[in-house]
């Protein structure tokens, strides 16, 4: 019903753009927070790149799960 209402009022694109902006902002903040929690520092990046990549990928995946649960699929 929400889809049809937004489509008929020509507000679907605006609504989707707003959700996309919220999701991107939330994702960026969560990745930073999770990376800090994991200990992803520039020093780690310089000394052990594979561990840094693994931790950053883990942080990004966790952030995607939260964003999808809270904003996208809700």
PDB file of N, CA and C in Angstrom:
ATOM      1  N   UNK A   1       0.832  -1.183   0.000  1.00  0.00           N
ATOM      2  CA  UNK A   1       0.000   0.000   0.000  1.00  0.00           C
ATOM      3  C   UNK A   1       0.880   1.251   0.000  1.00  0.00           C
ATOM      4  N   UNK A   2       1.953   1.237   0.801  1.00  0.00           N
ATOM      5  CA  UNK A   2       2.848   2.393   0.852  1.00  0.00           C
ATOM      6  C   UNK A   2       3.438   2.673  -0.521  1.00  0.00           C
ATOM      7  N   UNK A   3       3.856   1.610  -1.202  1.00  0.00           N
ATOM      8  CA  UNK A   3       4.431   1.766  -2.546  1.00  0.00           C
ATOM      9  C   UNK A   3       3.436   2.443  -3.487  1.00  0.00           C
ATOM     10  N   UNK A   4       2.220   1.975  -3.510  1.00  0.00           N
ATOM     11  CA  UNK A   4       1.198   2.531  -4.404  1.00  0.00           C
ATOM     12  C   UNK A   4       0.902   3.984  -4.061  1.00  0.00           C
ATOM     13  N   UNK A   5       0.785   4.271  -2.773  1.00  0.00           N
ATOM     14  CA  UNK A   5       0.520   5.661  -2.359  1.00  0.00           C
ATOM     15  C   UNK A   5       1.644   6.591  -2.776  1.00  0.00           C
ATOM     16  N   UNK A   6       2.880   6.174  -2.562  1.00  0.00           N
ATOM     17  CA  UNK A   6       4.015   7.021  -2.946  1.00  0.00           C
ATOM     18  C   UNK A   6       4.109   7.178  -4.455  1.00  0.00           C
ATOM     19  N   UNK A   7       3.824   6.109  -5.165  1.00  0.00           N
ATOM     20  CA  UNK A   7       3.897   6.150  -6.621  1.00  0.00           C
ATOM     21  C   UNK A   7       2.829   7.079  -7.198  1.00  0.00           C
ATOM     22  N   UNK A   8       1.614   6.989  -6.700  1.00  0.00           N
ATOM     23  CA  UNK A   8       0.539   7.824  -7.245  1.00  0.00           C
ATOM     24  C   UNK A   8       0.703   9.295  -6.873  1.00  0.00           C
ATOM     25  N   UNK A   9       1.382   9.579  -5.773  1.00  0.00           N
ATOM     26  CA  UNK A   9       1.615  10.971  -5.365  1.00  0.00           C
ATOM     27  C   UNK A   9       2.938  11.514  -5.901  1.00  0.00           C
ATOM     28  N   UNK A  10       3.612  10.722  -6.738  1.00  0.00           N
ATOM     29  CA  UNK A  10       4.904  11.100  -7.345  1.00  0.00           C
ATOM     30  C   UNK A  10       5.955  11.421  -6.281  1.00  0.00           C
ATOM     31  N   UNK A  11       5.941  10.680  -5.199  1.00  0.00           N
ATOM     32  CA  UNK A  11       6.907  10.899  -4.125  1.00  0.00           C
ATOM     33  C   UNK A  11       7.786   9.674  -3.870  1.00  0.00           C
ATOM     34  N   UNK A  12       7.694   8.674  -4.730  1.00  0.00           N
ATOM     35  CA  UNK A  12       8.457   7.446  -4.535  1.00  0.00           C
ATOM     36  C   UNK A  12       9.954   7.700  -4.615  1.00  0.00           C
ATOM     37  N   UNK A  13      10.392   8.425  -5.637  1.00  0.00           N
ATOM     38  CA  UNK A  13      11.830   8.692  -5.786  1.00  0.00           C
ATOM     39  C   UNK A  13      12.380   9.483  -4.612  1.00  0.00           C
ATOM     40  N   UNK A  14      11.625  10.451  -4.147  1.00  0.00           N
ATOM     41  CA  UNK A  14      12.048  11.255  -2.994  1.00  0.00           C
ATOM     42  C   UNK A  14      12.179  10.373  -1.746  1.00  0.00           C
ATOM     43  N   UNK A  15      11.214   9.506  -1.549  1.00  0.00           N
ATOM     44  CA  UNK A  15      11.216   8.597  -0.402  1.00  0.00           C
ATOM     45  C   UNK A  15      12.422   7.648  -0.464  1.00  0.00           C
ATOM     46  N   UNK A  16      12.653   7.070  -1.640  1.00  0.00           N
ATOM     47  CA  UNK A  16      13.779   6.149  -1.795  1.00  0.00           C
ATOM     48  C   UNK A  16      15.120   6.852  -1.637  1.00  0.00           C
ATOM     49  N   UNK A  17      15.225   8.075  -2.135  1.00  0.00           N
ATOM     50  CA  UNK A  17      16.461   8.841  -1.987  1.00  0.00           C
ATOM     51  C   UNK A  17      16.724   9.148  -0.516  1.00  0.00           C
ATOM     52  N   UNK A  18      15.676   9.447   0.237  1.00  0.00           N
ATOM     53  CA  UNK A  18      15.816   9.723   1.662  1.00  0.00           C
ATOM     54  C   UNK A  18      16.276   8.476   2.417  1.00  0.00           C
ATOM     55  N   UNK A  19      15.671   7.337   2.115  1.00  0.00           N
ATOM     56  CA  UNK A  19      16.072   6.077   2.755  1.00  0.00           C
ATOM     57  C   UNK A  19      17.527   5.748   2.409  1.00  0.00           C
ATOM     58  N   UNK A  20      17.901   5.959   1.143  1.00  0.00           N
ATOM     59  CA  UNK A  20      19.272   5.689   0.717  1.00  0.00           C
ATOM     60  C   UNK A  20      20.265   6.579   1.460  1.00  0.00           C
ATOM     61  N   UNK A  21      19.931   7.837   1.620  1.00  0.00           N
ATOM     62  CA  UNK A  21      20.808   8.769   2.338  1.00  0.00           C
ATOM     63  C   UNK A  21      20.953   8.362   3.810  1.00  0.00           C
ATOM     64  N   UNK A  22      19.851   8.012   4.433  1.00  0.00           N
ATOM     65  CA  UNK A  22      19.882   7.564   5.823  1.00  0.00           C
ATOM     66  C   UNK A  22      20.725   6.296   5.968  1.00  0.00           C
ATOM     67  N   UNK A  23      20.536   5.358   5.048  1.00  0.00           N
ATOM     68  CA  UNK A  23      21.257   4.091   5.106  1.00  0.00           C
ATOM     69  C   UNK A  23      22.760   4.312   4.935  1.00  0.00           C
ATOM     70  N   UNK A  24      23.142   5.169   3.993  1.00  0.00           N
ATOM     71  CA  UNK A  24      24.563   5.431   3.760  1.00  0.00           C
ATOM     72  C   UNK A  24      25.213   6.106   4.961  1.00  0.00           C
ATOM     73  N   UNK A  25      24.511   7.057   5.550  1.00  0.00           N
ATOM     74  CA  UNK A  25      25.043   7.753   6.728  1.00  0.00           C
ATOM     75  C   UNK A  25      25.205   6.774   7.897  1.00  0.00           C
ATOM     76  N   UNK A  26      24.181   5.965   8.124  1.00  0.00           N
ATOM     77  CA  UNK A  26      24.230   4.987   9.206  1.00  0.00           C
ATOM     78  C   UNK A  26      25.355   3.977   8.969  1.00  0.00           C
ATOM     79  N   UNK A  27      25.491   3.512   7.726  1.00  0.00           N
ATOM     80  CA  UNK A  27      26.539   2.554   7.369  1.00  0.00           C
ATOM     81  C   UNK A  27      27.927   3.135   7.650  1.00  0.00           C
ATOM     82  N   UNK A  28      28.171   4.355   7.188  1.00  0.00           N
ATOM     83  CA  UNK A  28      29.482   4.989   7.388  1.00  0.00           C
ATOM     84  C   UNK A  28      29.825   5.123   8.871  1.00  0.00           C
ATOM     85  N   UNK A  29      28.845   5.565   9.659  1.00  0.00           N
ATOM     86  CA  UNK A  29      29.078   5.725  11.099  1.00  0.00           C
ATOM     87  C   UNK A  29      29.347   4.384  11.774  1.00  0.00           C
ATOM     88  N   UNK A  30      28.581   3.368  11.390  1.00  0.00           N
ATOM     89  CA  UNK A  30      28.765   2.049  11.999  1.00  0.00           C
ATOM     90  C   UNK A  30      30.098   1.426  11.619  1.00  0.00           C
ATOM     91  N   UNK A  31      30.510   1.581  10.370  1.00  0.00           N
ATOM     92  CA  UNK A  31      31.810   1.027   9.951  1.00  0.00           C
ATOM     93  C   UNK A  31      32.924   1.666  10.766  1.00  0.00           C
ATOM     94  N   UNK A  32      32.867   2.985  10.927  1.00  0.00           N
ATOM     95  CA  UNK A  32      33.890   3.665  11.731  1.00  0.00           C
ATOM     96  C   UNK A  32      33.890   3.158  13.166  1.00  0.00           C
ATOM     97  N   UNK A  33      32.707   3.021  13.750  1.00  0.00           N
ATOM     98  CA  UNK A  33      32.608   2.573  15.143  1.00  0.00           C
ATOM     99  C   UNK A  33      33.085   1.133  15.295  1.00  0.00           C
ATOM    100  N   UNK A  34      32.654   0.261  14.393  1.00  0.00           N
ATOM    101  CA  UNK A  34      33.061  -1.145  14.478  1.00  0.00           C
ATOM    102  C   UNK A  34      34.553  -1.303  14.209  1.00  0.00           C
ATOM    103  N   UNK A  35      35.099  -0.517  13.286  1.00  0.00           N
ATOM    104  CA  UNK A  35      36.530  -0.585  12.994  1.00  0.00           C
ATOM    105  C   UNK A  35      37.338  -0.143  14.212  1.00  0.00           C
ATOM    106  N   UNK A  36      36.876   0.886  14.877  1.00  0.00           N
ATOM    107  CA  UNK A  36      37.556   1.340  16.086  1.00  0.00           C
ATOM    108  C   UNK A  36      37.485   0.266  17.160  1.00  0.00           C
ATOM    109  N   UNK A  37      36.326  -0.349  17.293  1.00  0.00           N
ATOM    110  CA  UNK A  37      36.136  -1.434  18.262  1.00  0.00           C
ATOM    111  C   UNK A  37      37.044  -2.624  17.955  1.00  0.00           C
ATOM    112  N   UNK A  38      37.258  -2.908  16.676  1.00  0.00           N
ATOM    113  CA  UNK A  38      38.108  -4.025  16.247  1.00  0.00           C
ATOM    114  C   UNK A  38      39.599  -3.691  16.369  1.00  0.00           C
ATOM    115  N   UNK A  39      39.925  -2.417  16.515  1.00  0.00           N
ATOM    116  CA  UNK A  39      41.322  -2.018  16.621  1.00  0.00           C
ATOM    117  C   UNK A  39      41.989  -1.807  15.277  1.00  0.00           C
ATOM    118  N   UNK A  40      41.231  -1.383  14.289  1.00  0.00           N
ATOM    119  CA  UNK A  40      41.767  -1.120  12.950  1.00  0.00           C
ATOM    120  C   UNK A  40      42.402   0.268  12.935  1.00  0.00           C
ATOM    121  N   UNK A  41      43.694   0.302  13.033  1.00  0.00           N
ATOM    122  CA  UNK A  41      44.422   1.567  13.047  1.00  0.00           C
ATOM    123  C   UNK A  41      45.340   1.643  11.840  1.00  0.00           C
ATOM    124  N   UNK A  42      45.855   2.826  11.602  1.00  0.00           N
ATOM    125  CA  UNK A  42      46.819   2.997  10.511  1.00  0.00           C
ATOM    126  C   UNK A  42      48.094   2.210  10.794  1.00  0.00           C
ATOM    127  N   UNK A  43      48.438   2.083  12.059  1.00  0.00           N
ATOM    128  CA  UNK A  43      49.621   1.307  12.424  1.00  0.00           C
ATOM    129  C   UNK A  43      49.414  -0.163  12.066  1.00  0.00           C
ATOM    130  N   UNK A  44      48.232  -0.697  12.359  1.00  0.00           N
ATOM    131  CA  UNK A  44      47.931  -2.082  11.999  1.00  0.00           C
ATOM    132  C   UNK A  44      47.946  -2.250  10.489  1.00  0.00           C
ATOM    133  N   UNK A  45      47.425  -1.273   9.790  1.00  0.00           N
ATOM    134  CA  UNK A  45      47.411  -1.317   8.326  1.00  0.00           C
ATOM    135  C   UNK A  45      48.829  -1.368   7.763  1.00  0.00           C
ATOM    136  N   UNK A  46      49.732  -0.641   8.397  1.00  0.00           N
ATOM    137  CA  UNK A  46      51.117  -0.601   7.931  1.00  0.00           C
ATOM    138  C   UNK A  46      51.878  -1.880   8.277  1.00  0.00           C
ATOM    139  N   UNK A  47      51.553  -2.481   9.417  1.00  0.00           N
ATOM    140  CA  UNK A  47      52.330  -3.643   9.863  1.00  0.00           C
ATOM    141  C   UNK A  47      51.749  -4.979   9.423  1.00  0.00           C
ATOM    142  N   UNK A  48      50.426  -5.083   9.352  1.00  0.00           N
ATOM    143  CA  UNK A  48      49.793  -6.350   8.993  1.00  0.00           C
ATOM    144  C   UNK A  48      48.557  -6.068   8.145  1.00  0.00           C
ATOM    145  N   UNK A  49      48.781  -5.896   6.849  1.00  0.00           N
ATOM    146  CA  UNK A  49      47.704  -5.482   5.961  1.00  0.00           C
ATOM    147  C   UNK A  49      46.572  -6.503   5.873  1.00  0.00           C
ATOM    148  N   UNK A  50      46.905  -7.784   5.845  1.00  0.00           N
ATOM    149  CA  UNK A  50      45.859  -8.805   5.719  1.00  0.00           C
ATOM    150  C   UNK A  50      44.944  -8.828   6.943  1.00  0.00           C
ATOM    151  N   UNK A  51      45.490  -8.655   8.121  1.00  0.00           N
ATOM    152  CA  UNK A  51      44.675  -8.607   9.333  1.00  0.00           C
ATOM    153  C   UNK A  51      43.794  -7.366   9.316  1.00  0.00           C
ATOM    154  N   UNK A  52      44.360  -6.240   8.868  1.00  0.00           N
ATOM    155  CA  UNK A  52      43.590  -5.005   8.772  1.00  0.00           C
ATOM    156  C   UNK A  52      42.419  -5.161   7.798  1.00  0.00           C
ATOM    157  N   UNK A  53      42.674  -5.757   6.645  1.00  0.00           N
ATOM    158  CA  UNK A  53      41.618  -5.984   5.651  1.00  0.00           C
ATOM    159  C   UNK A  53      40.537  -6.898   6.216  1.00  0.00           C
ATOM    160  N   UNK A  54      40.942  -7.950   6.890  1.00  0.00           N
ATOM    161  CA  UNK A  54      39.989  -8.885   7.491  1.00  0.00           C
ATOM    162  C   UNK A  54      39.089  -8.169   8.507  1.00  0.00           C
ATOM    163  N   UNK A  55      39.703  -7.357   9.355  1.00  0.00           N
ATOM    164  CA  UNK A  55      38.937  -6.642  10.368  1.00  0.00           C
ATOM    165  C   UNK A  55      38.021  -5.591   9.740  1.00  0.00           C
ATOM    166  N   UNK A  56      38.501  -4.901   8.715  1.00  0.00           N
ATOM    167  CA  UNK A  56      37.669  -3.906   8.036  1.00  0.00           C
ATOM    168  C   UNK A  56      36.499  -4.571   7.313  1.00  0.00           C
ATOM    169  N   UNK A  57      36.747  -5.703   6.678  1.00  0.00           N
ATOM    170  CA  UNK A  57      35.662  -6.432   6.018  1.00  0.00           C
ATOM    171  C   UNK A  57      34.630  -6.908   7.036  1.00  0.00           C
ATOM    172  N   UNK A  58      35.095  -7.355   8.190  1.00  0.00           N
ATOM    173  CA  UNK A  58      34.193  -7.774   9.255  1.00  0.00           C
ATOM    174  C   UNK A  58      33.351  -6.593   9.734  1.00  0.00           C
ATOM    175  N   UNK A  59      33.980  -5.448   9.891  1.00  0.00           N
ATOM    176  CA  UNK A  59      33.258  -4.244  10.321  1.00  0.00           C
ATOM    177  C   UNK A  59      32.220  -3.834   9.288  1.00  0.00           C
ATOM    178  N   UNK A  60      32.586  -3.891   8.018  1.00  0.00           N
ATOM    179  CA  UNK A  60      31.659  -3.518   6.951  1.00  0.00           C
ATOM    180  C   UNK A  60      30.477  -4.481   6.898  1.00  0.00           C
ATOM    181  N   UNK A  61      30.727  -5.758   7.051  1.00  0.00           N
ATOM    182  CA  UNK A  61      29.643  -6.742   7.022  1.00  0.00           C
ATOM    183  C   UNK A  61      28.694  -6.549   8.203  1.00  0.00           C
ATOM    184  N   UNK A  62      29.248  -6.308   9.368  1.00  0.00           N
ATOM    185  CA  UNK A  62      28.405  -6.063  10.543  1.00  0.00           C
ATOM    186  C   UNK A  62      27.533  -4.827  10.325  1.00  0.00           C
ATOM    187  N   UNK A  63      28.124  -3.783   9.760  1.00  0.00           N
ATOM    188  CA  UNK A  63      27.374  -2.549   9.500  1.00  0.00           C
ATOM    189  C   UNK A  63      26.261  -2.803   8.485  1.00  0.00           C
ATOM    190  N   UNK A  64      26.548  -3.567   7.422  1.00  0.00           N
ATOM    191  CA  UNK A  64      25.521  -3.892   6.431  1.00  0.00           C
ATOM    192  C   UNK A  64      24.355  -4.638   7.059  1.00  0.00           C
ATOM    193  N   UNK A  65      24.664  -5.582   7.941  1.00  0.00           N
ATOM    194  CA  UNK A  65      23.603  -6.339   8.605  1.00  0.00           C
ATOM    195  C   UNK A  65      22.710  -5.429   9.446  1.00  0.00           C
ATOM    196  N   UNK A  66      23.317  -4.511  10.175  1.00  0.00           N
ATOM    197  CA  UNK A  66      22.532  -3.598  11.014  1.00  0.00           C
ATOM    198  C   UNK A  66      21.673  -2.681  10.149  1.00  0.00           C
ATOM    199  N   UNK A  67      22.250  -2.101   9.109  1.00  0.00           N
ATOM    200  CA  UNK A  67      21.505  -1.195   8.232  1.00  0.00           C
ATOM    201  C   UNK A  67      20.351  -1.938   7.562  1.00  0.00           C
ATOM    202  N   UNK A  68      20.622  -3.117   7.049  1.00  0.00           N
ATOM    203  CA  UNK A  68      19.553  -3.878   6.399  1.00  0.00           C
ATOM    204  C   UNK A  68      18.433  -4.229   7.372  1.00  0.00           C
ATOM    205  N   UNK A  69      18.795  -4.596   8.580  1.00  0.00           N
ATOM    206  CA  UNK A  69      17.779  -4.948   9.567  1.00  0.00           C
ATOM    207  C   UNK A  69      16.986  -3.734  10.019  1.00  0.00           C
ATOM    208  N   UNK A  70      17.661  -2.633  10.283  1.00  0.00           N
ATOM    209  CA  UNK A  70      17.002  -1.460  10.855  1.00  0.00           C
ATOM    210  C   UNK A  70      16.259  -0.612   9.816  1.00  0.00           C
ATOM    211  N   UNK A  71      16.826  -0.449   8.617  1.00  0.00           N
ATOM    212  CA  UNK A  71      16.234   0.463   7.656  1.00  0.00           C
ATOM    213  C   UNK A  71      15.612  -0.208   6.429  1.00  0.00           C
ATOM    214  N   UNK A  72      16.307  -1.147   5.868  1.00  0.00           N
ATOM    215  CA  UNK A  72      15.885  -1.692   4.578  1.00  0.00           C
ATOM    216  C   UNK A  72      14.736  -2.679   4.726  1.00  0.00           C
ATOM    217  N   UNK A  73      14.901  -3.680   5.558  1.00  0.00           N
ATOM    218  CA  UNK A  73      13.902  -4.744   5.670  1.00  0.00           C
ATOM    219  C   UNK A  73      12.843  -4.477   6.718  1.00  0.00           C
ATOM    220  N   UNK A  74      12.914  -3.362   7.381  1.00  0.00           N
ATOM    221  CA  UNK A  74      11.970  -3.053   8.432  1.00  0.00           C
ATOM    222  C   UNK A  74      10.711  -2.447   7.914  1.00  0.00           C
TER     223      UNK A  74
END
